[in-house]
PDB file of N, CA and C in Angstrom:
ATOM      1  N   MET A   1     112.744  82.906  77.477  1.00  0.00           N
ATOM      2  CA  MET A   1     111.682  83.146  78.209  1.00  0.00           C
ATOM      3  C   MET A   1     112.042  83.985  79.198  1.00  0.00           C
ATOM      4  N   LEU A   2     111.396  84.893  79.778  1.00  0.00           N
ATOM      5  CA  LEU A   2     111.674  85.938  80.979  1.00  0.00           C
ATOM      6  C   LEU A   2     112.022  85.075  82.166  1.00  0.00           C
ATOM      7  N   LYS A   3     112.674  85.513  82.669  1.00  0.00           N
ATOM      8  CA  LYS A   3     113.088  84.701  84.115  1.00  0.00           C
ATOM      9  C   LYS A   3     113.234  85.924  85.334  1.00  0.00           C
ATOM     10  N   VAL A   4     112.548  85.930  86.388  1.00  0.00           N
ATOM     11  CA  VAL A   4     112.660  86.973  87.268  1.00  0.00           C
ATOM     12  C   VAL A   4     113.030  86.205  88.540  1.00  0.00           C
ATOM     13  N   GLU A   5     114.358  86.557  89.223  1.00  0.00           N
ATOM     14  CA  GLU A   5     114.519  86.079  90.414  1.00  0.00           C
ATOM     15  C   GLU A   5     115.064  86.682  91.598  1.00  0.00           C
ATOM     16  N   LEU A   6     114.778  86.656  92.674  1.00  0.00           N
ATOM     17  CA  LEU A   6     115.367  87.212  93.913  1.00  0.00           C
ATOM     18  C   LEU A   6     116.749  86.774  94.242  1.00  0.00           C
ATOM     19  N   VAL A   7     117.712  87.413  94.326  1.00  0.00           N
ATOM     20  CA  VAL A   7     119.113  87.105  94.539  1.00  0.00           C
ATOM     21  C   VAL A   7     119.714  87.950  95.366  1.00  0.00           C
ATOM     22  N   ASN A   8     120.970  87.319  95.863  1.00  0.00           N
ATOM     23  CA  ASN A   8     121.829  88.170  96.826  1.00  0.00           C
ATOM     24  C   ASN A   8     122.980  88.641  95.943  1.00  0.00           C
ATOM     25  N   TYR A   9     123.662  89.544  96.508  1.00  0.00           N
ATOM     26  CA  TYR A   9     124.747  90.062  95.825  1.00  0.00           C
ATOM     27  C   TYR A   9     125.834  89.080  95.360  1.00  0.00           C
ATOM     28  N   ASP A  10     125.984  87.963  96.226  1.00  0.00           N
ATOM     29  CA  ASP A  10     126.949  86.814  95.521  1.00  0.00           C
ATOM     30  C   ASP A  10     126.481  86.449  94.176  1.00  0.00           C
ATOM     31  N   ASP A  11     125.325  86.531  94.062  1.00  0.00           N
ATOM     32  CA  ASP A  11     124.705  85.726  92.853  1.00  0.00           C
ATOM     33  C   ASP A  11     124.679  86.754  91.509  1.00  0.00           C
ATOM     34  N   LEU A  12     125.326  87.827  91.969  1.00  0.00           N
ATOM     35  CA  LEU A  12     125.354  88.752  90.509  1.00  0.00           C
ATOM     36  C   LEU A  12     126.602  88.729  89.981  1.00  0.00           C
ATOM     37  N   THR A  13     126.754  88.946  88.600  1.00  0.00           N
ATOM     38  CA  THR A  13     128.092  88.831  87.830  1.00  0.00           C
ATOM     39  C   THR A  13     128.847  89.765  88.256  1.00  0.00           C
ATOM     40  N   GLY A  14     130.193  90.012  88.068  1.00  0.00           N
ATOM     41  CA  GLY A  14     131.033  91.071  88.120  1.00  0.00           C
ATOM     42  C   GLY A  14     130.634  92.502  87.997  1.00  0.00           C
ATOM     43  N   SER A  15     130.161  92.373  86.389  1.00  0.00           N
ATOM     44  CA  SER A  15     129.672  93.683  85.929  1.00  0.00           C
ATOM     45  C   SER A  15     128.398  94.429  86.831  1.00  0.00           C
ATOM     46  N   GLU A  16     127.796  93.413  86.998  1.00  0.00           N
ATOM     47  CA  GLU A  16     126.411  93.734  87.632  1.00  0.00           C
ATOM     48  C   GLU A  16     126.819  94.222  89.036  1.00  0.00           C
ATOM     49  N   LYS A  17     127.520  93.551  89.760  1.00  0.00           N
ATOM     50  CA  LYS A  17     128.054  94.142  90.811  1.00  0.00           C
ATOM     51  C   LYS A  17     128.667  95.429  91.131  1.00  0.00           C
ATOM     52  N   GLU A  18     129.224  95.842  90.236  1.00  0.00           N
ATOM     53  CA  GLU A  18     129.858  97.024  89.899  1.00  0.00           C
ATOM     54  C   GLU A  18     129.061  98.007  89.809  1.00  0.00           C
ATOM     55  N   LYS A  19     127.822  97.839  89.088  1.00  0.00           N
ATOM     56  CA  LYS A  19     126.956  98.896  88.748  1.00  0.00           C
ATOM     57  C   LYS A  19     125.753  99.107  90.107  1.00  0.00           C
ATOM     58  N   GLN A  20     125.745  98.629  91.059  1.00  0.00           N
ATOM     59  CA  GLN A  20     125.018  98.501  92.162  1.00  0.00           C
ATOM     60  C   GLN A  20     125.144  99.646  92.951  1.00  0.00           C
ATOM     61  N   PRO A  21     124.036 100.312  93.708  1.00  0.00           N
ATOM     62  CA  PRO A  21     124.400 101.473  94.863  1.00  0.00           C
ATOM     63  C   PRO A  21     124.827 100.855  95.900  1.00  0.00           C
ATOM     64  N   ASN A  22     125.608 101.648  96.595  1.00  0.00           N
ATOM     65  CA  ASN A  22     126.006 101.163  98.074  1.00  0.00           C
ATOM     66  C   ASN A  22     125.185 102.072  99.186  1.00  0.00           C
ATOM     67  N   ASN A  23     123.818 102.292  98.829  1.00  0.00           N
ATOM     68  CA  ASN A  23     123.033 102.848  99.903  1.00  0.00           C
ATOM     69  C   ASN A  23     122.509 102.086 101.058  1.00  0.00           C
ATOM     70  N   GLY A  24     122.008 102.628 102.042  1.00  0.00           N
ATOM     71  CA  GLY A  24     121.445 101.956 102.968  1.00  0.00           C
ATOM     72  C   GLY A  24     122.496 101.234 103.825  1.00  0.00           C
ATOM     73  N   CYS A  25     122.078 100.189 103.743  1.00  0.00           N
ATOM     74  CA  CYS A  25     123.214  99.103 104.836  1.00  0.00           C
ATOM     75  C   CYS A  25     124.229  98.517 103.831  1.00  0.00           C
ATOM     76  N   GLY A  26     124.231  99.038 102.585  1.00  0.00           N
ATOM     77  CA  GLY A  26     125.464  98.511 101.404  1.00  0.00           C
ATOM     78  C   GLY A  26     125.008  97.678 100.362  1.00  0.00           C
ATOM     79  N   LYS A  27     125.454  97.554  99.441  1.00  0.00           N
ATOM     80  CA  LYS A  27     125.276  96.639  98.383  1.00  0.00           C
ATOM     81  C   LYS A  27     125.378  95.119  98.787  1.00  0.00           C
ATOM     82  N   TRP A  28     126.396  95.127  99.545  1.00  0.00           N
ATOM     83  CA  TRP A  28     126.629  93.780 100.066  1.00  0.00           C
ATOM     84  C   TRP A  28     125.475  92.948 100.699  1.00  0.00           C
ATOM     85  N   ASN A  29     124.849  93.714 101.468  1.00  0.00           N
ATOM     86  CA  ASN A  29     123.612  93.280 102.294  1.00  0.00           C
ATOM     87  C   ASN A  29     122.167  93.487 101.733  1.00  0.00           C
ATOM     88  N   ALA A  30     122.199  93.918 100.579  1.00  0.00           N
ATOM     89  CA  ALA A  30     121.035  94.228  99.715  1.00  0.00           C
ATOM     90  C   ALA A  30     120.596  92.792  99.014  1.00  0.00           C
ATOM     91  N   THR A  31     119.259  92.981  98.983  1.00  0.00           N
ATOM     92  CA  THR A  31     118.609  91.821  98.031  1.00  0.00           C
ATOM     93  C   THR A  31     118.445  92.549  96.932  1.00  0.00           C
ATOM     94  N   TYR A  32     118.230  91.762  95.704  1.00  0.00           N
ATOM     95  CA  TYR A  32     117.973  92.075  94.267  1.00  0.00           C
ATOM     96  C   TYR A  32     116.992  91.399  93.438  1.00  0.00           C
ATOM     97  N   ILE A  33     116.625  91.936  92.460  1.00  0.00           N
ATOM     98  CA  ILE A  33     115.450  91.342  91.524  1.00  0.00           C
ATOM     99  C   ILE A  33     116.276  91.377  90.337  1.00  0.00           C
ATOM    100  N   LYS A  34     116.404  89.973  89.721  1.00  0.00           N
ATOM    101  CA  LYS A  34     117.427  90.205  88.601  1.00  0.00           C
ATOM    102  C   LYS A  34     116.465  89.640  87.409  1.00  0.00           C
ATOM    103  N   ILE A  35     116.390  90.339  86.265  1.00  0.00           N
ATOM    104  CA  ILE A  35     115.474  90.118  85.145  1.00  0.00           C
ATOM    105  C   ILE A  35     116.143  89.743  84.086  1.00  0.00           C
ATOM    106  N   SER A  36     116.016  88.321  83.600  1.00  0.00           N
ATOM    107  CA  SER A  36     116.938  88.126  82.385  1.00  0.00           C
ATOM    108  C   SER A  36     115.936  87.384  81.415  1.00  0.00           C
ATOM    109  N   ASP A  37     116.408  87.230  80.092  1.00  0.00           N
ATOM    110  CA  ASP A  37     115.713  86.595  79.039  1.00  0.00           C
ATOM    111  C   ASP A  37     116.520  85.823  78.332  1.00  0.00           C
ATOM    112  N   ALA A  38     116.429  84.654  77.848  1.00  0.00           N
ATOM    113  CA  ALA A  38     117.456  83.610  77.252  1.00  0.00           C
ATOM    114  C   ALA A  38     118.905  84.013  77.758  1.00  0.00           C
ATOM    115  N   GLY A  39     118.833  83.849  79.092  1.00  0.00           N
ATOM    116  CA  GLY A  39     120.358  84.129  79.722  1.00  0.00           C
ATOM    117  C   GLY A  39     121.000  85.525  79.812  1.00  0.00           C
ATOM    118  N   ARG A  40     120.431  86.615  79.258  1.00  0.00           N
ATOM    119  CA  ARG A  40     120.884  87.852  79.007  1.00  0.00           C
ATOM    120  C   ARG A  40     120.309  88.708  79.989  1.00  0.00           C
ATOM    121  N   THR A  41     120.907  89.070  81.028  1.00  0.00           N
ATOM    122  CA  THR A  41     120.470  90.280  82.259  1.00  0.00           C
ATOM    123  C   THR A  41     120.010  91.279  81.367  1.00  0.00           C
ATOM    124  N   LEU A  42     118.528  91.678  81.585  1.00  0.00           N
ATOM    125  CA  LEU A  42     118.008  92.981  81.322  1.00  0.00           C
ATOM    126  C   LEU A  42     117.842  94.038  82.249  1.00  0.00           C
ATOM    127  N   MET A  43     117.719  93.567  83.707  1.00  0.00           N
ATOM    128  CA  MET A  43     117.789  94.756  84.540  1.00  0.00           C
ATOM    129  C   MET A  43     117.988  93.821  85.871  1.00  0.00           C
ATOM    130  N   VAL A  44     118.642  94.714  86.720  1.00  0.00           N
ATOM    131  CA  VAL A  44     118.747  94.258  88.163  1.00  0.00           C
ATOM    132  C   VAL A  44     118.502  95.364  89.085  1.00  0.00           C
ATOM    133  N   LEU A  45     117.408  95.084  89.857  1.00  0.00           N
ATOM    134  CA  LEU A  45     116.676  96.161  90.868  1.00  0.00           C
ATOM    135  C   LEU A  45     117.227  95.868  92.441  1.00  0.00           C
ATOM    136  N   SER A  46     117.629  96.718  92.925  1.00  0.00           N
ATOM    137  CA  SER A  46     118.133  96.523  94.132  1.00  0.00           C
ATOM    138  C   SER A  46     117.390  97.461  95.456  1.00  0.00           C
ATOM    139  N   ASP A  47     117.437  96.613  96.634  1.00  0.00           N
ATOM    140  CA  ASP A  47     116.820  97.555  97.747  1.00  0.00           C
ATOM    141  C   ASP A  47     117.631  98.073  98.556  1.00  0.00           C
ATOM    142  N   ALA A  48     119.042  98.635  98.032  1.00  0.00           N
ATOM    143  CA  ALA A  48     119.875  99.352  98.841  1.00  0.00           C
ATOM    144  C   ALA A  48     119.577 100.580  98.467  1.00  0.00           C
ATOM    145  N   MET A  49     118.849 101.312  99.437  1.00  0.00           N
ATOM    146  CA  MET A  49     118.449 102.636  99.025  1.00  0.00           C
ATOM    147  C   MET A  49     118.128 103.315 100.368  1.00  0.00           C
ATOM    148  N   GLU A  50     118.428 104.549 100.677  1.00  0.00           N
ATOM    149  CA  GLU A  50     118.245 105.388 101.609  1.00  0.00           C
ATOM    150  C   GLU A  50     116.764 105.581 102.116  1.00  0.00           C
ATOM    151  N   PRO A  51     116.238 105.325 103.286  1.00  0.00           N
ATOM    152  CA  PRO A  51     114.766 105.437 103.514  1.00  0.00           C
ATOM    153  C   PRO A  51     114.195 106.683 103.055  1.00  0.00           C
ATOM    154  N   GLU A  52     114.868 107.607 102.974  1.00  0.00           N
ATOM    155  CA  GLU A  52     114.091 108.957 102.319  1.00  0.00           C
ATOM    156  C   GLU A  52     113.938 108.969 100.870  1.00  0.00           C
ATOM    157  N   ASP A  53     114.710 107.992 100.236  1.00  0.00           N
ATOM    158  CA  ASP A  53     114.630 107.931  98.612  1.00  0.00           C
ATOM    159  C   ASP A  53     113.675 106.730  98.555  1.00  0.00           C
ATOM    160  N   ALA A  54     113.435 105.986  99.055  1.00  0.00           N
ATOM    161  CA  ALA A  54     112.482 104.821  98.774  1.00  0.00           C
ATOM    162  C   ALA A  54     110.891 105.304  98.461  1.00  0.00           C
ATOM    163  N   THR A  55     110.978 106.084  97.374  1.00  0.00           N
ATOM    164  CA  THR A  55     109.932 106.564  96.710  1.00  0.00           C
ATOM    165  C   THR A  55     109.834 106.186  95.229  1.00  0.00           C
ATOM    166  N   PHE A  56     108.414 106.066  94.629  1.00  0.00           N
ATOM    167  CA  PHE A  56     108.210 105.956  93.320  1.00  0.00           C
ATOM    168  C   PHE A  56     108.793 107.039  92.233  1.00  0.00           C
ATOM    169  N   THR A  57     109.158 108.058  92.911  1.00  0.00           N
ATOM    170  CA  THR A  57     109.941 109.013  92.140  1.00  0.00           C
ATOM    171  C   THR A  57     111.104 109.030  91.931  1.00  0.00           C
ATOM    172  N   ARG A  58     111.941 108.220  93.151  1.00  0.00           N
ATOM    173  CA  ARG A  58     113.262 108.280  93.046  1.00  0.00           C
ATOM    174  C   ARG A  58     113.773 106.736  93.098  1.00  0.00           C
ATOM    175  N   ASP A  59     114.145 106.009  93.850  1.00  0.00           N
ATOM    176  CA  ASP A  59     114.485 104.800  94.090  1.00  0.00           C
ATOM    177  C   ASP A  59     113.826 103.601  93.420  1.00  0.00           C
ATOM    178  N   LEU A  60     112.477 103.613  93.626  1.00  0.00           N
ATOM    179  CA  LEU A  60     111.641 102.919  93.091  1.00  0.00           C
ATOM    180  C   LEU A  60     111.208 102.930  91.654  1.00  0.00           C
ATOM    181  N   ARG A  61     111.437 104.230  91.145  1.00  0.00           N
ATOM    182  CA  ARG A  61     110.985 104.402  89.835  1.00  0.00           C
ATOM    183  C   ARG A  61     111.365 103.250  88.710  1.00  0.00           C
ATOM    184  N   LYS A  62     112.277 102.400  88.932  1.00  0.00           N
ATOM    185  CA  LYS A  62     112.722 101.447  87.797  1.00  0.00           C
ATOM    186  C   LYS A  62     111.711 100.037  88.359  1.00  0.00           C
ATOM    187  N   VAL A  63     110.950 100.231  89.193  1.00  0.00           N
ATOM    188  CA  VAL A  63     109.853  99.101  89.258  1.00  0.00           C
ATOM    189  C   VAL A  63     108.771  99.231  88.275  1.00  0.00           C
ATOM    190  N   VAL A  64     108.375 100.321  87.852  1.00  0.00           N
ATOM    191  CA  VAL A  64     107.454 100.613  86.774  1.00  0.00           C
ATOM    192  C   VAL A  64     108.213 100.074  85.262  1.00  0.00           C
ATOM    193  N   ASP A  65     109.378 100.379  85.037  1.00  0.00           N
ATOM    194  CA  ASP A  65     110.140  99.965  83.877  1.00  0.00           C
ATOM    195  C   ASP A  65     109.923  98.328  83.786  1.00  0.00           C
ATOM    196  N   ALA A  66     110.071  97.616  85.228  1.00  0.00           N
ATOM    197  CA  ALA A  66     110.350  96.248  84.943  1.00  0.00           C
ATOM    198  C   ALA A  66     109.118  95.796  84.927  1.00  0.00           C
ATOM    199  N   ILE A  67     107.869  96.315  85.282  1.00  0.00           N
ATOM    200  CA  ILE A  67     106.307  95.573  85.205  1.00  0.00           C
ATOM    201  C   ILE A  67     106.093  95.857  83.613  1.00  0.00           C
ATOM    202  N   ASN A  68     106.446  97.102  83.039  1.00  0.00           N
ATOM    203  CA  ASN A  68     106.128  97.288  81.654  1.00  0.00           C
ATOM    204  C   ASN A  68     107.224  96.185  80.690  1.00  0.00           C
ATOM    205  N   LEU A  69     108.333  96.066  81.327  1.00  0.00           N
ATOM    206  CA  LEU A  69     109.235  94.874  80.301  1.00  0.00           C
ATOM    207  C   LEU A  69     108.197  93.502  80.507  1.00  0.00           C
ATOM    208  N   ALA A  70     107.872  93.204  81.570  1.00  0.00           N
ATOM    209  CA  ALA A  70     107.484  91.721  81.871  1.00  0.00           C
ATOM    210  C   ALA A  70     106.159  91.680  81.312  1.00  0.00           C
ATOM    211  N   TYR A  71     105.449  92.917  80.844  1.00  0.00           N
ATOM    212  CA  TYR A  71     104.181  93.079  80.280  1.00  0.00           C
ATOM    213  C   TYR A  71     104.478  92.631  78.723  1.00  0.00           C
ATOM    214  N   ILE A  72     105.397  93.138  78.440  1.00  0.00           N
ATOM    215  CA  ILE A  72     105.956  93.407  76.695  1.00  0.00           C
ATOM    216  C   ILE A  72     106.326  92.152  76.375  1.00  0.00           C
ATOM    217  N   ARG A  73     107.355  91.401  77.531  1.00  0.00           N
ATOM    218  CA  ARG A  73     107.843  90.079  77.074  1.00  0.00           C
ATOM    219  C   ARG A  73     106.773  89.137  77.108  1.00  0.00           C
ATOM    220  N   GLY A  74     106.043  89.219  77.959  1.00  0.00           N
ATOM    221  CA  GLY A  74     104.832  88.216  78.379  1.00  0.00           C
ATOM    222  C   GLY A  74     104.015  88.093  77.130  1.00  0.00           C
ATOM    223  N   ILE A  75     103.636  89.262  76.415  1.00  0.00           N
ATOM    224  CA  ILE A  75     103.067  89.310  75.072  1.00  0.00           C
ATOM    225  C   ILE A  75     103.705  88.458  74.078  1.00  0.00           C
ATOM    226  N   ARG A  76     105.252  88.889  73.801  1.00  0.00           N
ATOM    227  CA  ARG A  76     105.785  88.254  72.813  1.00  0.00           C
ATOM    228  C   ARG A  76     105.955  86.747  73.021  1.00  0.00           C
ATOM    229  N   ASP A  77     106.345  86.417  74.572  1.00  0.00           N
ATOM    230  CA  ASP A  77     106.185  84.889  74.633  1.00  0.00           C
ATOM    231  C   ASP A  77     104.946  83.930  74.351  1.00  0.00           C
ATOM    232  N   GLY A  78     104.017  84.946  74.975  1.00  0.00           N
ATOM    233  CA  GLY A  78     102.387  84.331  74.616  1.00  0.00           C
ATOM    234  C   GLY A  78     102.155  84.256  73.243  1.00  0.00           C
ATOM    235  N   LYS A  79     102.708  84.852  72.143  1.00  0.00           N
ATOM    236  CA  LYS A  79     102.297  84.695  70.809  1.00  0.00           C
ATOM    237  C   LYS A  79     103.132  83.495  70.364  1.00  0.00           C
ATOM    238  N   LYS A  80     104.352  83.540  70.944  1.00  0.00           N
ATOM    239  CA  LYS A  80     105.366  82.128  70.348  1.00  0.00           C
ATOM    240  C   LYS A  80     104.559  80.826  70.873  1.00  0.00           C
ATOM    241  N   LEU A  81     103.979  80.899  71.897  1.00  0.00           N
ATOM    242  CA  LEU A  81     103.173  79.514  72.181  1.00  0.00           C
ATOM    243  C   LEU A  81     101.952  79.258  71.832  1.00  0.00           C
ATOM    244  N   ARG A  82     101.405  80.377  71.065  1.00  0.00           N
ATOM    245  CA  ARG A  82     100.156  80.324  70.326  1.00  0.00           C
ATOM    246  C   ARG A  82     100.420  79.502  68.824  1.00  0.00           C
ATOM    247  N   ARG A  83     101.709  79.547  68.331  1.00  0.00           N
ATOM    248  CA  ARG A  83     101.623  78.912  67.182  1.00  0.00           C
ATOM    249  C   ARG A  83     101.901  77.556  67.115  1.00  0.00           C
TER     250      ARG A  83
END
């Protein structure tokens, strides 16, 4: 099942920490949305961004991907529950 969590930097794995941007107040002070399925991380979104980049065409572009991912996984999981 799809799992969406609001987490802090310390909650990320080592490899997830390495991939995070160090913008805004820094990746250590950022908050993250971690999306996983069956224990496998699919996406990590960060609010570590410069104010001028906080647009849907720049740093927030992955929010659209996250919504689409949740929709597709929701359909898949819904079909499994119907059986």
